Amino acid sequence: MSSAALTQSLHDRINENRQRAEEIAQEMSRPDVLTDGRQLQKLGREQAQITPILERAQALDEVDRQIQESQSLLEDSDPEVQALAEADIKSLEPRRNQLLAELLELLQPRDPNDERDVI
């Protein structure tokens, strides 16, 4: 991720999830896994947990890219362009903060009992 606000630890966790998603996709395409319903279900559940993380990370990357583009326009000599860039940044910051909060929430360790039935 490009933002300086993201810690290296968060960056590493996102990359770990990306790697695991690739591993899951490879495992799920193996013939022996395709015939093993339990293994396929287990991998599907893990994939379902990782996918929202990767979606938020991708959206956050896009918002960060847009913010960086707008920040570069702040140096433009045209006051109208500067005003538009400032407005863009102000409108993108809340979305960025929301995505970051969602991403941090999704990366919280899960309770292993969450998947079990209560009764």
N, C-alpha and C. Protein backbone atom coordinates (compact mmCIF):
# COMPACT_ATOMS: atom_id res chain seq x y z
N MET A 1 0.85 -1.17 0.00
CA MET A 1 0.00 0.00 0.00
C MET A 1 0.89 1.23 0.00
N SER A 2 0.38 2.27 -0.52
CA SER A 2 1.22 3.44 -0.76
C SER A 2 1.19 4.45 0.37
N SER A 3 0.23 4.43 1.22
CA SER A 3 0.08 5.48 2.22
C SER A 3 1.11 5.34 3.34
N ALA A 4 1.69 6.47 3.70
CA ALA A 4 2.66 6.47 4.78
C ALA A 4 2.00 6.24 6.13
N ALA A 5 0.68 6.49 6.18
CA ALA A 5 -0.05 6.34 7.44
C ALA A 5 -0.20 4.87 7.84
N LEU A 6 -0.12 3.97 6.87
CA LEU A 6 -0.25 2.56 7.18
C LEU A 6 1.07 2.04 7.73
N THR A 7 0.96 1.32 8.79
CA THR A 7 2.17 0.79 9.41
C THR A 7 2.70 -0.38 8.59
N GLN A 8 3.95 -0.68 8.79
CA GLN A 8 4.56 -1.81 8.11
C GLN A 8 3.87 -3.11 8.51
N SER A 9 3.43 -3.19 9.74
CA SER A 9 2.73 -4.38 10.21
C SER A 9 1.43 -4.60 9.44
N LEU A 10 0.67 -3.54 9.25
CA LEU A 10 -0.57 -3.64 8.49
C LEU A 10 -0.27 -4.03 7.04
N HIS A 11 0.73 -3.41 6.49
CA HIS A 11 1.18 -3.72 5.13
C HIS A 11 1.54 -5.20 5.01
N ASP A 12 2.27 -5.71 5.97
CA ASP A 12 2.67 -7.12 5.97
C ASP A 12 1.46 -8.05 6.09
N ARG A 13 0.51 -7.69 6.94
CA ARG A 13 -0.68 -8.54 7.11
C ARG A 13 -1.50 -8.60 5.83
N ILE A 14 -1.61 -7.49 5.13
CA ILE A 14 -2.34 -7.48 3.87
C ILE A 14 -1.63 -8.36 2.84
N ASN A 15 -0.31 -8.25 2.78
CA ASN A 15 0.45 -9.08 1.85
C ASN A 15 0.34 -10.56 2.19
N GLU A 16 0.33 -10.88 3.47
CA GLU A 16 0.14 -12.28 3.88
C GLU A 16 -1.21 -12.80 3.41
N ASN A 17 -2.23 -11.96 3.53
CA ASN A 17 -3.56 -12.37 3.08
C ASN A 17 -3.61 -12.53 1.56
N ARG A 18 -2.91 -11.68 0.85
CA ARG A 18 -2.85 -11.81 -0.62
C ARG A 18 -2.19 -13.14 -1.00
N GLN A 19 -1.08 -13.45 -0.34
CA GLN A 19 -0.39 -14.70 -0.62
C GLN A 19 -1.27 -15.90 -0.28
N ARG A 20 -1.95 -15.83 0.85
CA ARG A 20 -2.81 -16.95 1.26
C ARG A 20 -3.96 -17.12 0.28
N ALA A 21 -4.51 -16.03 -0.23
CA ALA A 21 -5.60 -16.11 -1.21
C ALA A 21 -5.12 -16.83 -2.47
N GLU A 22 -3.89 -16.55 -2.89
CA GLU A 22 -3.33 -17.23 -4.06
C GLU A 22 -3.14 -18.72 -3.77
N GLU A 23 -2.65 -19.03 -2.57
CA GLU A 23 -2.47 -20.43 -2.18
C GLU A 23 -3.80 -21.17 -2.17
N ILE A 24 -4.82 -20.53 -1.63
CA ILE A 24 -6.15 -21.15 -1.57
C ILE A 24 -6.67 -21.43 -2.98
N ALA A 25 -6.51 -20.46 -3.86
CA ALA A 25 -6.97 -20.64 -5.24
C ALA A 25 -6.26 -21.82 -5.90
N GLN A 26 -4.97 -21.95 -5.65
CA GLN A 26 -4.21 -23.07 -6.20
C GLN A 26 -4.67 -24.40 -5.61
N GLU A 27 -4.87 -24.41 -4.29
CA GLU A 27 -5.31 -25.64 -3.63
C GLU A 27 -6.70 -26.05 -4.10
N MET A 28 -7.59 -25.08 -4.26
CA MET A 28 -8.96 -25.39 -4.66
C MET A 28 -9.05 -25.91 -6.10
N SER A 29 -8.03 -25.68 -6.88
CA SER A 29 -8.04 -26.17 -8.26
C SER A 29 -7.43 -27.57 -8.40
N ARG A 30 -6.85 -28.08 -7.32
CA ARG A 30 -6.27 -29.43 -7.37
C ARG A 30 -7.38 -30.48 -7.39
N PRO A 31 -7.23 -31.51 -8.22
CA PRO A 31 -8.27 -32.54 -8.32
C PRO A 31 -8.58 -33.24 -7.00
N ASP A 32 -7.55 -33.52 -6.19
CA ASP A 32 -7.80 -34.21 -4.92
C ASP A 32 -8.60 -33.36 -3.95
N VAL A 33 -8.46 -32.05 -4.01
CA VAL A 33 -9.22 -31.15 -3.15
C VAL A 33 -10.65 -31.01 -3.66
N LEU A 34 -10.80 -30.98 -4.98
CA LEU A 34 -12.13 -30.85 -5.57
C LEU A 34 -13.04 -32.02 -5.21
N THR A 35 -12.45 -33.19 -4.97
CA THR A 35 -13.26 -34.36 -4.61
C THR A 35 -13.41 -34.52 -3.10
N ASP A 36 -12.72 -33.70 -2.33
CA ASP A 36 -12.80 -33.76 -0.87
C ASP A 36 -13.67 -32.61 -0.38
N GLY A 37 -14.93 -32.93 -0.10
CA GLY A 37 -15.89 -31.90 0.30
C GLY A 37 -15.49 -31.14 1.54
N ARG A 38 -14.94 -31.83 2.51
CA ARG A 38 -14.52 -31.14 3.75
C ARG A 38 -13.43 -30.13 3.50
N GLN A 39 -12.41 -30.58 2.78
CA GLN A 39 -11.28 -29.68 2.49
C GLN A 39 -11.75 -28.49 1.65
N LEU A 40 -12.59 -28.76 0.67
CA LEU A 40 -13.10 -27.69 -0.18
C LEU A 40 -13.91 -26.69 0.63
N GLN A 41 -14.73 -27.18 1.56
CA GLN A 41 -15.53 -26.31 2.41
C GLN A 41 -14.63 -25.48 3.33
N LYS A 42 -13.62 -26.10 3.89
CA LYS A 42 -12.68 -25.40 4.78
C LYS A 42 -11.97 -24.27 4.02
N LEU A 43 -11.49 -24.58 2.82
CA LEU A 43 -10.81 -23.57 2.01
C LEU A 43 -11.78 -22.47 1.59
N GLY A 44 -13.01 -22.84 1.28
CA GLY A 44 -14.02 -21.85 0.91
C GLY A 44 -14.31 -20.87 2.04
N ARG A 45 -14.39 -21.41 3.27
CA ARG A 45 -14.62 -20.53 4.43
C ARG A 45 -13.44 -19.57 4.64
N GLU A 46 -12.24 -20.10 4.49
CA GLU A 46 -11.06 -19.25 4.66
C GLU A 46 -11.00 -18.18 3.57
N GLN A 47 -11.34 -18.57 2.36
CA GLN A 47 -11.37 -17.62 1.26
C GLN A 47 -12.41 -16.53 1.51
N ALA A 48 -13.55 -16.92 2.07
CA ALA A 48 -14.61 -15.96 2.36
C ALA A 48 -14.18 -14.96 3.43
N GLN A 49 -13.29 -15.35 4.32
CA GLN A 49 -12.78 -14.42 5.33
C GLN A 49 -11.73 -13.48 4.75
N ILE A 50 -10.95 -13.96 3.81
CA ILE A 50 -9.85 -13.17 3.25
C ILE A 50 -10.35 -12.17 2.20
N THR A 51 -11.35 -12.54 1.43
CA THR A 51 -11.82 -11.71 0.32
C THR A 51 -12.19 -10.29 0.75
N PRO A 52 -12.97 -10.09 1.83
CA PRO A 52 -13.29 -8.70 2.22
C PRO A 52 -12.05 -7.88 2.58
N ILE A 53 -11.05 -8.52 3.15
CA ILE A 53 -9.81 -7.82 3.50
C ILE A 53 -9.14 -7.31 2.23
N LEU A 54 -9.05 -8.19 1.24
CA LEU A 54 -8.39 -7.81 -0.01
C LEU A 54 -9.19 -6.75 -0.76
N GLU A 55 -10.52 -6.83 -0.69
CA GLU A 55 -11.35 -5.82 -1.34
C GLU A 55 -11.15 -4.45 -0.70
N ARG A 56 -11.12 -4.40 0.64
CA ARG A 56 -10.91 -3.12 1.32
C ARG A 56 -9.51 -2.57 1.04
N ALA A 57 -8.53 -3.46 1.03
CA ALA A 57 -7.15 -3.03 0.76
C ALA A 57 -7.05 -2.45 -0.65
N GLN A 58 -7.69 -3.07 -1.62
CA GLN A 58 -7.67 -2.57 -2.98
C GLN A 58 -8.39 -1.22 -3.07
N ALA A 59 -9.52 -1.10 -2.41
CA ALA A 59 -10.26 0.17 -2.42
C ALA A 59 -9.43 1.26 -1.74
N LEU A 60 -8.76 0.92 -0.66
CA LEU A 60 -7.92 1.88 0.05
C LEU A 60 -6.75 2.33 -0.83
N ASP A 61 -6.16 1.39 -1.56
CA ASP A 61 -5.09 1.74 -2.50
C ASP A 61 -5.59 2.75 -3.54
N GLU A 62 -6.79 2.52 -4.05
CA GLU A 62 -7.37 3.40 -5.06
C GLU A 62 -7.63 4.79 -4.49
N VAL A 63 -8.19 4.86 -3.30
CA VAL A 63 -8.46 6.16 -2.66
C VAL A 63 -7.14 6.89 -2.39
N ASP A 64 -6.13 6.16 -1.91
CA ASP A 64 -4.82 6.77 -1.67
C ASP A 64 -4.23 7.33 -2.97
N ARG A 65 -4.39 6.58 -4.06
CA ARG A 65 -3.88 7.04 -5.36
C ARG A 65 -4.59 8.33 -5.77
N GLN A 66 -5.91 8.38 -5.58
CA GLN A 66 -6.67 9.57 -5.94
C GLN A 66 -6.26 10.76 -5.09
N ILE A 67 -6.02 10.52 -3.81
CA ILE A 67 -5.58 11.60 -2.92
C ILE A 67 -4.21 12.12 -3.35
N GLN A 68 -3.32 11.21 -3.70
CA GLN A 68 -1.99 11.64 -4.15
C GLN A 68 -2.06 12.45 -5.43
N GLU A 69 -2.94 12.04 -6.35
CA GLU A 69 -3.11 12.82 -7.57
C GLU A 69 -3.63 14.22 -7.25
N SER A 70 -4.59 14.29 -6.35
CA SER A 70 -5.15 15.59 -5.98
C SER A 70 -4.11 16.44 -5.27
N GLN A 71 -3.28 15.83 -4.44
CA GLN A 71 -2.24 16.59 -3.75
C GLN A 71 -1.22 17.15 -4.74
N SER A 72 -0.95 16.41 -5.79
CA SER A 72 -0.01 16.94 -6.79
C SER A 72 -0.62 18.13 -7.53
N LEU A 73 -1.95 18.16 -7.64
CA LEU A 73 -2.61 19.29 -8.29
C LEU A 73 -2.63 20.54 -7.41
N LEU A 74 -2.39 20.38 -6.12
CA LEU A 74 -2.34 21.54 -5.23
C LEU A 74 -1.19 22.48 -5.59
N GLU A 75 -0.20 21.96 -6.29
CA GLU A 75 0.96 22.76 -6.68
C GLU A 75 0.72 23.51 -7.99
N ASP A 76 -0.44 23.30 -8.60
CA ASP A 76 -0.78 23.96 -9.86
C ASP A 76 -0.90 25.46 -9.62
N SER A 77 -0.56 26.24 -10.64
CA SER A 77 -0.62 27.70 -10.50
C SER A 77 -2.05 28.24 -10.62
N ASP A 78 -2.96 27.45 -11.17
CA ASP A 78 -4.34 27.88 -11.34
C ASP A 78 -5.11 27.71 -10.02
N PRO A 79 -5.65 28.79 -9.47
CA PRO A 79 -6.39 28.70 -8.20
C PRO A 79 -7.63 27.80 -8.29
N GLU A 80 -8.25 27.75 -9.46
CA GLU A 80 -9.42 26.88 -9.62
C GLU A 80 -9.04 25.41 -9.50
N VAL A 81 -7.93 25.05 -10.10
CA VAL A 81 -7.45 23.67 -10.03
C VAL A 81 -7.10 23.33 -8.58
N GLN A 82 -6.46 24.26 -7.90
CA GLN A 82 -6.12 24.05 -6.49
C GLN A 82 -7.38 23.85 -5.65
N ALA A 83 -8.39 24.67 -5.90
CA ALA A 83 -9.64 24.57 -5.14
C ALA A 83 -10.32 23.23 -5.40
N LEU A 84 -10.33 22.78 -6.65
CA LEU A 84 -10.91 21.47 -6.97
C LEU A 84 -10.13 20.35 -6.30
N ALA A 85 -8.81 20.46 -6.29
CA ALA A 85 -7.97 19.44 -5.66
C ALA A 85 -8.25 19.38 -4.16
N GLU A 86 -8.37 20.54 -3.53
CA GLU A 86 -8.68 20.58 -2.09
C GLU A 86 -10.04 19.95 -1.81
N ALA A 87 -11.01 20.24 -2.66
CA ALA A 87 -12.34 19.66 -2.48
C ALA A 87 -12.30 18.14 -2.65
N ASP A 88 -11.53 17.68 -3.62
CA ASP A 88 -11.39 16.24 -3.83
C ASP A 88 -10.78 15.57 -2.60
N ILE A 89 -9.73 16.18 -2.08
CA ILE A 89 -9.07 15.61 -0.91
C ILE A 89 -10.02 15.56 0.27
N LYS A 90 -10.76 16.64 0.48
CA LYS A 90 -11.71 16.68 1.60
C LYS A 90 -12.80 15.64 1.44
N SER A 91 -13.20 15.36 0.21
CA SER A 91 -14.25 14.36 0.01
C SER A 91 -13.70 12.93 0.09
N LEU A 92 -12.42 12.76 -0.21
CA LEU A 92 -11.83 11.41 -0.19
C LEU A 92 -11.36 10.99 1.20
N GLU A 93 -10.99 11.94 2.03
CA GLU A 93 -10.46 11.61 3.37
C GLU A 93 -11.45 10.79 4.21
N PRO A 94 -12.74 11.16 4.29
CA PRO A 94 -13.66 10.34 5.08
C PRO A 94 -13.78 8.91 4.55
N ARG A 95 -13.78 8.75 3.23
CA ARG A 95 -13.85 7.41 2.64
C ARG A 95 -12.59 6.62 3.00
N ARG A 96 -11.45 7.28 2.95
CA ARG A 96 -10.19 6.62 3.29
C ARG A 96 -10.21 6.17 4.75
N ASN A 97 -10.66 7.06 5.63
CA ASN A 97 -10.72 6.72 7.05
C ASN A 97 -11.68 5.56 7.31
N GLN A 98 -12.81 5.56 6.59
CA GLN A 98 -13.78 4.47 6.74
C GLN A 98 -13.18 3.14 6.28
N LEU A 99 -12.53 3.15 5.13
CA LEU A 99 -11.91 1.92 4.61
C LEU A 99 -10.81 1.42 5.55
N LEU A 100 -10.02 2.33 6.08
CA LEU A 100 -8.95 1.95 6.99
C LEU A 100 -9.53 1.33 8.26
N ALA A 101 -10.59 1.92 8.80
CA ALA A 101 -11.23 1.37 10.00
C ALA A 101 -11.81 -0.02 9.71
N GLU A 102 -12.46 -0.18 8.56
CA GLU A 102 -13.01 -1.49 8.20
C GLU A 102 -11.91 -2.52 8.04
N LEU A 103 -10.82 -2.11 7.42
CA LEU A 103 -9.69 -3.01 7.21
C LEU A 103 -9.08 -3.45 8.54
N LEU A 104 -8.91 -2.50 9.44
CA LEU A 104 -8.37 -2.84 10.76
C LEU A 104 -9.30 -3.78 11.51
N GLU A 105 -10.60 -3.56 11.39
CA GLU A 105 -11.58 -4.44 12.03
C GLU A 105 -11.51 -5.85 11.45
N LEU A 106 -11.41 -5.94 10.14
CA LEU A 106 -11.34 -7.25 9.50
C LEU A 106 -10.07 -8.00 9.84
N LEU A 107 -9.01 -7.27 10.15
CA LEU A 107 -7.74 -7.91 10.47
C LEU A 107 -7.61 -8.30 11.95
N GLN A 108 -8.62 -7.98 12.73
CA GLN A 108 -8.61 -8.39 14.15
C GLN A 108 -8.65 -9.91 14.23
N PRO A 109 -7.94 -10.49 15.19
CA PRO A 109 -7.98 -11.95 15.34
C PRO A 109 -9.41 -12.42 15.62
N ARG A 110 -9.79 -13.50 14.99
CA ARG A 110 -11.13 -14.06 15.15
C ARG A 110 -11.16 -15.04 16.31
N ASP A 111 -12.29 -15.08 16.99
CA ASP A 111 -12.52 -16.07 18.02
C ASP A 111 -12.86 -17.39 17.33
N PRO A 112 -12.14 -18.46 17.62
CA PRO A 112 -12.41 -19.73 16.95
C PRO A 112 -13.82 -20.24 17.20
N ASN A 113 -14.46 -19.79 18.25
CA ASN A 113 -15.81 -20.24 18.57
C ASN A 113 -16.87 -19.49 17.76
N ASP A 114 -16.49 -18.44 17.04
CA ASP A 114 -17.45 -17.66 16.26
C ASP A 114 -18.14 -18.51 15.19
N GLU A 115 -17.44 -19.49 14.67
CA GLU A 115 -17.99 -20.31 13.59
C GLU A 115 -18.88 -21.44 14.10
N ARG A 116 -18.87 -21.69 15.38
CA ARG A 116 -19.65 -22.78 15.94
C ARG A 116 -21.07 -22.32 16.27
N ASP A 117 -21.99 -23.26 16.24
CA ASP A 117 -23.36 -22.98 16.62
C ASP A 117 -23.43 -22.77 18.13
N VAL A 118 -24.30 -21.89 18.54
CA VAL A 118 -24.45 -21.59 19.95
C VAL A 118 -25.16 -22.74 20.66
N ILE A 119 -26.10 -23.31 19.99
CA ILE A 119 -26.88 -24.38 20.61
C ILE A 119 -26.39 -25.72 20.17
